[in-house]
C-alpha atoms as a PDB file:
ATOM      1  CA  ILE A   1     -47.990 -35.424  -1.771  1.00  0.00           C
ATOM      2  CA  LYS A   2     -48.408 -31.614  -2.172  1.00  0.00           C
ATOM      3  CA  SER A   3     -49.803 -31.689   1.524  1.00  0.00           C
ATOM      4  CA  ILE A   4     -46.103 -32.850   2.603  1.00  0.00           C
ATOM      5  CA  PHE A   5     -44.816 -30.293   0.410  1.00  0.00           C
ATOM      6  CA  ASP A   6     -46.780 -27.400   1.816  1.00  0.00           C
ATOM      7  CA  TYR A   7     -46.197 -28.643   5.411  1.00  0.00           C
ATOM      8  CA  GLN A   8     -42.411 -29.178   5.230  1.00  0.00           C
ATOM      9  CA  ASP A   9     -42.131 -25.923   2.865  1.00  0.00           C
ATOM     10  CA  ILE A  10     -40.478 -28.311  -0.004  1.00  0.00           C
ATOM     11  CA  GLN A  11     -40.199 -26.044  -3.283  1.00  0.00           C
ATOM     12  CA  THR A  12     -39.085 -28.861  -5.696  1.00  0.00           C
ATOM     13  CA  ALA A  13     -38.204 -32.702  -5.359  1.00  0.00           C
ATOM     14  CA  TYR A  14     -36.657 -35.607  -7.316  1.00  0.00           C
ATOM     15  CA  PHE A  15     -39.216 -38.450  -7.586  1.00  0.00           C
ATOM     16  CA  MET A  16     -38.901 -42.194  -7.686  1.00  0.00           C
ATOM     17  CA  GLY A  17     -41.579 -44.367  -8.233  1.00  0.00           C
ATOM     18  CA  ILE A  18     -42.301 -48.109  -8.773  1.00  0.00           C
ATOM     19  CA  ASP A  19     -45.433 -49.257 -10.811  1.00  0.00           C
ATOM     20  CA  VAL A  20     -48.274 -47.243  -9.450  1.00  0.00           C
ATOM     21  CA  GLY A  21     -46.087 -44.823  -7.661  1.00  0.00           C
ATOM     22  CA  SER A  22     -44.609 -43.800 -10.939  1.00  0.00           C
ATOM     23  CA  ILE A  23     -48.243 -43.147 -12.206  1.00  0.00           C
ATOM     24  CA  VAL A  24     -48.609 -40.876  -9.141  1.00  0.00           C
ATOM     25  CA  ALA A  25     -45.447 -38.824  -9.334  1.00  0.00           C
ATOM     26  CA  GLN A  26     -46.418 -38.254 -13.119  1.00  0.00           C
ATOM     27  CA  GLY A  27     -49.712 -37.088 -11.881  1.00  0.00           C
ATOM     28  CA  PHE A  28     -48.163 -34.888  -9.480  1.00  0.00           C
ATOM     29  CA  GLY A  29     -45.903 -33.434 -11.921  1.00  0.00           C
ATOM     30  CA  HIS A  30     -48.711 -32.687 -14.407  1.00  0.00           C
ATOM     31  CA  ILE A  31     -50.887 -30.856 -11.568  1.00  0.00           C
ATOM     32  CA  TYR A  32     -47.710 -29.150 -10.000  1.00  0.00           C
ATOM     33  CA  PRO A  33     -45.136 -29.015 -12.805  1.00  0.00           C
ATOM     34  CA  ASN A  34     -42.650 -26.402 -11.371  1.00  0.00           C
ATOM     35  CA  GLN A  35     -42.418 -29.000  -8.073  1.00  0.00           C
ATOM     36  CA  MET A  36     -41.112 -31.859 -10.065  1.00  0.00           C
ATOM     37  CA  ASN A  37     -37.165 -31.689 -10.743  1.00  0.00           C
ATOM     38  CA  ALA A  38     -36.994 -35.082 -12.314  1.00  0.00           C
ATOM     39  CA  LEU A  39     -38.593 -38.775 -12.025  1.00  0.00           C
ATOM     40  CA  ILE A  40     -37.126 -42.020 -11.909  1.00  0.00           C
ATOM     41  CA  SER A  41     -39.629 -44.851 -13.322  1.00  0.00           C
ATOM     42  CA  ILE A  42     -39.325 -48.173 -12.483  1.00  0.00           C
ATOM     43  CA  GLY A  43     -41.409 -50.868 -14.101  1.00  0.00           C
ATOM     44  CA  SER A  44     -44.118 -48.347 -15.313  1.00  0.00           C
ATOM     45  CA  TYR A  45     -45.346 -46.271 -18.148  1.00  0.00           C
ATOM     46  CA  SER A  46     -46.304 -43.081 -19.352  1.00  0.00           C
ATOM     47  CA  ILE A  47     -49.843 -41.642 -18.422  1.00  0.00           C
ATOM     48  CA  TYR A  48     -49.905 -39.797 -21.540  1.00  0.00           C
ATOM     49  CA  HIS A  49     -50.085 -42.363 -24.225  1.00  0.00           C
ATOM     50  CA  ASP A  50     -52.141 -45.428 -25.095  1.00  0.00           C
ATOM     51  CA  SER A  51     -49.607 -47.847 -23.077  1.00  0.00           C
ATOM     52  CA  CYS A  52     -51.557 -47.412 -20.176  1.00  0.00           C
ATOM     53  CA  LYS A  53     -54.820 -48.966 -21.940  1.00  0.00           C
ATOM     54  CA  LYS A  54     -52.675 -51.927 -23.215  1.00  0.00           C
ATOM     55  CA  VAL A  55     -51.340 -52.363 -19.587  1.00  0.00           C
ATOM     56  CA  GLN A  56     -54.707 -52.444 -18.106  1.00  0.00           C
ATOM     57  CA  LYS A  57     -56.028 -54.388 -20.928  1.00  0.00           C
ATOM     58  CA  GLU A  58     -53.651 -57.138 -20.316  1.00  0.00           C
ATOM     59  CA  HIS A  59     -54.080 -57.176 -16.615  1.00  0.00           C
ATOM     60  CA  MET A  60     -57.856 -57.507 -16.692  1.00  0.00           C
ATOM     61  CA  LEU A  61     -58.405 -60.744 -16.499  1.00  0.00           C
ATOM     62  CA  SER A  62     -55.561 -61.724 -14.200  1.00  0.00           C
ATOM     63  CA  ASN A  63     -56.770 -58.756 -11.787  1.00  0.00           C
ATOM     64  CA  LEU A  64     -60.243 -60.475 -11.803  1.00  0.00           C
ATOM     65  CA  GLY A  65     -58.527 -63.415 -10.298  1.00  0.00           C
ATOM     66  CA  LEU A  66     -56.310 -61.600  -8.033  1.00  0.00           C
ATOM     67  CA  SER A  67     -59.558 -60.140  -6.710  1.00  0.00           C
ATOM     68  CA  PHE A  68     -60.727 -63.199  -5.408  1.00  0.00           C
ATOM     69  CA  GLN A  69     -57.173 -64.143  -4.032  1.00  0.00           C
ATOM     70  CA  TRP A  70     -57.008 -60.898  -2.360  1.00  0.00           C
ATOM     71  CA  LEU A  71     -60.504 -61.525  -0.511  1.00  0.00           C
ATOM     72  CA  PHE A  72     -60.021 -65.214   0.573  1.00  0.00           C
ATOM     73  CA  ASN A  73     -56.170 -65.744   0.107  1.00  0.00           C
ATOM     74  CA  LEU A  74     -54.131 -62.647   1.155  1.00  0.00           C
ATOM     75  CA  SER A  75     -50.585 -64.540   1.604  1.00  0.00           C
ATOM     76  CA  GLY A  76     -51.319 -66.024  -1.949  1.00  0.00           C
ATOM     77  CA  TYR A  77     -52.201 -62.539  -3.359  1.00  0.00           C
ATOM     78  CA  LEU A  78     -48.821 -61.224  -2.002  1.00  0.00           C
ATOM     79  CA  ASN A  79     -46.626 -64.455  -2.990  1.00  0.00           C
ATOM     80  CA  HIS A  80     -47.978 -63.595  -6.772  1.00  0.00           C
ATOM     81  CA  PHE A  81     -46.625 -60.169  -6.724  1.00  0.00           C
ATOM     82  CA  ALA A  82     -43.338 -61.191  -4.949  1.00  0.00           C
ATOM     83  CA  ASN A  83     -42.736 -63.813  -7.904  1.00  0.00           C
ATOM     84  CA  LEU A  84     -43.439 -60.947 -10.396  1.00  0.00           C
ATOM     85  CA  ALA A  85     -41.272 -58.485  -8.658  1.00  0.00           C
ATOM     86  CA  VAL A  86     -37.736 -59.907  -8.288  1.00  0.00           C
ATOM     87  CA  ILE A  87     -35.860 -62.918  -9.354  1.00  0.00           C
ATOM     88  CA  THR A  88     -32.929 -63.243  -7.001  1.00  0.00           C
ATOM     89  CA  ASP A  89     -33.028 -64.839  -3.337  1.00  0.00           C
ATOM     90  CA  SER A  90     -32.149 -61.863  -1.666  1.00  0.00           C
ATOM     91  CA  GLY A  91     -34.154 -59.670  -3.531  1.00  0.00           C
ATOM     92  CA  LEU A  92     -37.317 -61.951  -2.829  1.00  0.00           C
ATOM     93  CA  GLN A  93     -36.479 -61.887   1.118  1.00  0.00           C
ATOM     94  CA  LYS A  94     -36.244 -58.068   0.975  1.00  0.00           C
ATOM     95  CA  TYR A  95     -39.563 -57.876  -0.896  1.00  0.00           C
ATOM     96  CA  LYS A  96     -41.344 -59.989   1.540  1.00  0.00           C
ATOM     97  CA  LEU A  97     -39.938 -58.003   4.313  1.00  0.00           C
ATOM     98  CA  SER A  98     -41.452 -54.918   2.913  1.00  0.00           C
ATOM     99  CA  GLN A  99     -44.682 -56.772   2.742  1.00  0.00           C
ATOM    100  CA  ALA A 100     -44.992 -58.242   6.013  1.00  0.00           C
ATOM    101  CA  LYS A 101     -47.216 -55.580   7.354  1.00  0.00           C
ATOM    102  CA  PHE A 102     -49.233 -54.956   4.482  1.00  0.00           C
ATOM    103  CA  LYS A 103     -53.275 -55.373   5.051  1.00  0.00           C
ATOM    104  CA  ARG A 104     -56.300 -55.370   2.840  1.00  0.00           C
ATOM    105  CA  SER A 105     -56.766 -51.722   3.861  1.00  0.00           C
ATOM    106  CA  GLY A 106     -53.683 -50.764   2.132  1.00  0.00           C
ATOM    107  CA  MET A 107     -55.378 -51.281  -1.382  1.00  0.00           C
ATOM    108  CA  LYS A 108     -57.224 -47.957  -0.539  1.00  0.00           C
ATOM    109  CA  ALA A 109     -54.085 -46.261  -1.601  1.00  0.00           C
ATOM    110  CA  PHE A 110     -55.082 -47.070  -5.288  1.00  0.00           C
ATOM    111  CA  LYS A 111     -58.161 -45.277  -5.067  1.00  0.00           C
ATOM    112  CA  GLY A 112     -58.275 -42.496  -7.805  1.00  0.00           C
ATOM    113  CA  VAL A 113     -55.182 -43.347  -9.313  1.00  0.00           C
ATOM    114  CA  ASP A 114     -57.433 -43.663 -12.769  1.00  0.00           C
ATOM    115  CA  ARG A 115     -57.807 -39.848 -12.922  1.00  0.00           C
ATOM    116  CA  PHE A 116     -54.195 -39.367 -13.950  1.00  0.00           C
ATOM    117  CA  TYR A 117     -54.666 -41.612 -17.218  1.00  0.00           C
ATOM    118  CA  LYS A 118     -57.059 -38.567 -18.528  1.00  0.00           C
ATOM    119  CA  PHE A 119     -54.110 -36.129 -18.977  1.00  0.00           C
ATOM    120  CA  GLU A 120     -53.772 -35.517 -22.282  1.00  0.00           C
ATOM    121  CA  LYS A 121     -50.266 -33.790 -22.622  1.00  0.00           C
ATOM    122  CA  PRO A 122     -47.548 -33.022 -20.026  1.00  0.00           C
ATOM    123  CA  SER A 123     -47.579 -29.577 -18.866  1.00  0.00           C
ATOM    124  CA  LYS A 124     -43.827 -29.498 -18.499  1.00  0.00           C
ATOM    125  CA  HIS A 125     -41.093 -31.826 -19.621  1.00  0.00           C
ATOM    126  CA  TYR A 126     -38.940 -32.841 -16.664  1.00  0.00           C
ATOM    127  CA  PRO A 127     -35.960 -35.684 -17.001  1.00  0.00           C
ATOM    128  CA  ILE A 128     -37.206 -38.972 -16.722  1.00  0.00           C
ATOM    129  CA  TYR A 129     -35.179 -41.919 -16.069  1.00  0.00           C
ATOM    130  CA  VAL A 130     -37.278 -45.169 -17.338  1.00  0.00           C
ATOM    131  CA  VAL A 131     -36.201 -48.517 -15.813  1.00  0.00           C
ATOM    132  CA  CYS A 132     -37.198 -52.166 -16.600  1.00  0.00           C
ATOM    133  CA  GLY A 133     -35.860 -55.412 -15.675  1.00  0.00           C
ATOM    134  CA  GLU A 134     -34.797 -58.101 -18.355  1.00  0.00           C
ATOM    135  CA  PHE A 135     -37.513 -60.415 -16.949  1.00  0.00           C
ATOM    136  CA  GLU A 136     -40.251 -58.053 -16.740  1.00  0.00           C
ATOM    137  CA  GLU A 137     -43.804 -58.447 -18.143  1.00  0.00           C
ATOM    138  CA  GLU A 138     -43.728 -58.014 -21.947  1.00  0.00           C
ATOM    139  CA  VAL A 139     -46.446 -55.501 -21.570  1.00  0.00           C
ATOM    140  CA  ILE A 140     -44.382 -53.386 -19.432  1.00  0.00           C
ATOM    141  CA  LYS A 141     -41.287 -53.850 -21.500  1.00  0.00           C
ATOM    142  CA  ASP A 142     -43.305 -52.705 -24.720  1.00  0.00           C
ATOM    143  CA  ALA A 143     -44.723 -49.806 -22.443  1.00  0.00           C
ATOM    144  CA  SER A 144     -41.190 -48.648 -21.180  1.00  0.00           C
ATOM    145  CA  ILE A 145     -39.975 -48.309 -25.016  1.00  0.00           C
ATOM    146  CA  GLN A 146     -43.097 -46.304 -25.623  1.00  0.00           C
ATOM    147  CA  PHE A 147     -42.640 -43.990 -22.810  1.00  0.00           C
ATOM    148  CA  GLU A 148     -38.825 -43.177 -24.088  1.00  0.00           C
ATOM    149  CA  GLN A 149     -39.994 -42.738 -27.556  1.00  0.00           C
ATOM    150  CA  LYS A 150     -42.985 -40.610 -26.883  1.00  0.00           C
ATOM    151  CA  VAL A 151     -42.018 -38.492 -23.655  1.00  0.00           C
ATOM    152  CA  PRO A 152     -39.514 -35.783 -24.264  1.00  0.00           C
ATOM    153  CA  ASN A 153     -36.214 -36.199 -21.706  1.00  0.00           C
ATOM    154  CA  ALA A 154     -37.289 -39.801 -20.990  1.00  0.00           C
ATOM    155  CA  ILE A 155     -34.201 -42.127 -21.242  1.00  0.00           C
ATOM    156  CA  LEU A 156     -34.751 -45.975 -20.852  1.00  0.00           C
ATOM    157  CA  GLU A 157     -32.345 -48.456 -19.392  1.00  0.00           C
ATOM    158  CA  GLY A 158     -32.851 -52.290 -19.176  1.00  0.00           C
ATOM    159  CA  PHE A 159     -31.337 -54.153 -16.300  1.00  0.00           C
ATOM    160  CA  ASN A 160     -30.139 -57.730 -16.846  1.00  0.00           C
ATOM    161  CA  LYS A 161     -30.867 -60.597 -14.507  1.00  0.00           C
ATOM    162  CA  SER A 162     -33.908 -58.560 -12.569  1.00  0.00           C
ATOM    163  CA  LYS A 163     -37.586 -58.484 -12.820  1.00  0.00           C
ATOM    164  CA  HIS A 164     -40.201 -55.458 -11.643  1.00  0.00           C
ATOM    165  CA  VAL A 165     -38.372 -54.016  -8.738  1.00  0.00           C
ATOM    166  CA  VAL A 166     -34.724 -53.610 -10.259  1.00  0.00           C
ATOM    167  CA  PHE A 167     -33.205 -52.327  -7.393  1.00  0.00           C
ATOM    168  CA  LEU A 168     -33.903 -55.246  -5.291  1.00  0.00           C
ATOM    169  CA  ASP A 169     -32.278 -57.607  -7.820  1.00  0.00           C
ATOM    170  CA  GLN A 170     -29.173 -55.482  -8.714  1.00  0.00           C
ATOM    171  CA  PRO A 171     -28.832 -52.774  -6.041  1.00  0.00           C
ATOM    172  CA  ARG A 172     -25.380 -51.642  -6.771  1.00  0.00           C
ATOM    173  CA  LEU A 173     -25.737 -51.248 -10.213  1.00  0.00           C
ATOM    174  CA  PHE A 174     -29.143 -49.433  -9.713  1.00  0.00           C
ATOM    175  CA  ILE A 175     -27.425 -46.896  -7.341  1.00  0.00           C
ATOM    176  CA  GLU A 176     -24.549 -46.303  -9.701  1.00  0.00           C
ATOM    177  CA  HIS A 177     -26.656 -45.928 -12.967  1.00  0.00           C
ATOM    178  CA  VAL A 178     -29.270 -43.398 -10.939  1.00  0.00           C
ATOM    179  CA  GLN A 179     -26.402 -41.373  -9.574  1.00  0.00           C
ATOM    180  CA  THR A 180     -25.252 -40.868 -13.175  1.00  0.00           C
ATOM    181  CA  PHE A 181     -28.843 -39.918 -14.346  1.00  0.00           C
ATOM    182  CA  LEU A 182     -28.965 -37.449 -11.325  1.00  0.00           C
ATOM    183  CA  LYS A 183     -25.488 -35.935 -12.052  1.00  0.00           C
ATOM    184  CA  THR A 184     -26.570 -35.499 -15.620  1.00  0.00           C
ATOM    185  CA  HIS A 185     -29.948 -34.299 -14.790  1.00  0.00           C
ATOM    186  CA  LEU A 186     -28.222 -31.847 -12.619  1.00  0.00           C
ATOM    187  CA  LYS A 187     -26.341 -30.534 -15.316  1.00  0.00           C
ATOM    188  CA  TRP A 188     -29.225 -30.366 -17.351  1.00  0.00           C
ATOM    189  CA  PHE A 189     -30.947 -28.432 -14.893  1.00  0.00           C
ATOM    190  CA  ASP A 190     -28.312 -25.869 -14.794  1.00  0.00           C
ATOM    191  CA  THR A 191     -28.873 -24.906 -18.474  1.00  0.00           C
ATOM    192  CA  ILE A 192     -32.608 -24.090 -18.208  1.00  0.00           C
END
């Protein structure tokens, strides 16, 4: 991310991350705090609190089984995540379309993410919009609540009739709420 900022001469940006994308964005915001304006975190959790340990522990056994599926049945592996991601038929179609070109080598993108869990305190408190679907995994719902409670400037909103990738299940509502958050954030940003 930093290379893109430097190459494009980008000074600051707003980030949106789903799951691990939110973890990476938080890590970037920790290392380069003055380049992060705000974060929209979807179906994720704070890197600064024990919720990440709870999520990892909860997923440990299922991840072992998924590793075998990833090796021997990639389409089954992708279908597993599609069923966790969305609840609507239109959302499922969009999700599967986005995964159509996914290859095993794409997992290399996750390498090194664990280093972000070692940060102790945020170096700057930027606004964070934490989003969670009604039918999200319970461990993620709990982690989202903890995110809002323990991280300054974080606000949580649950979306009815949606799972992990809220914007695929409730696109219009999601866009409206993100616009409201950004408008509010812009007012907040002008006051500091």
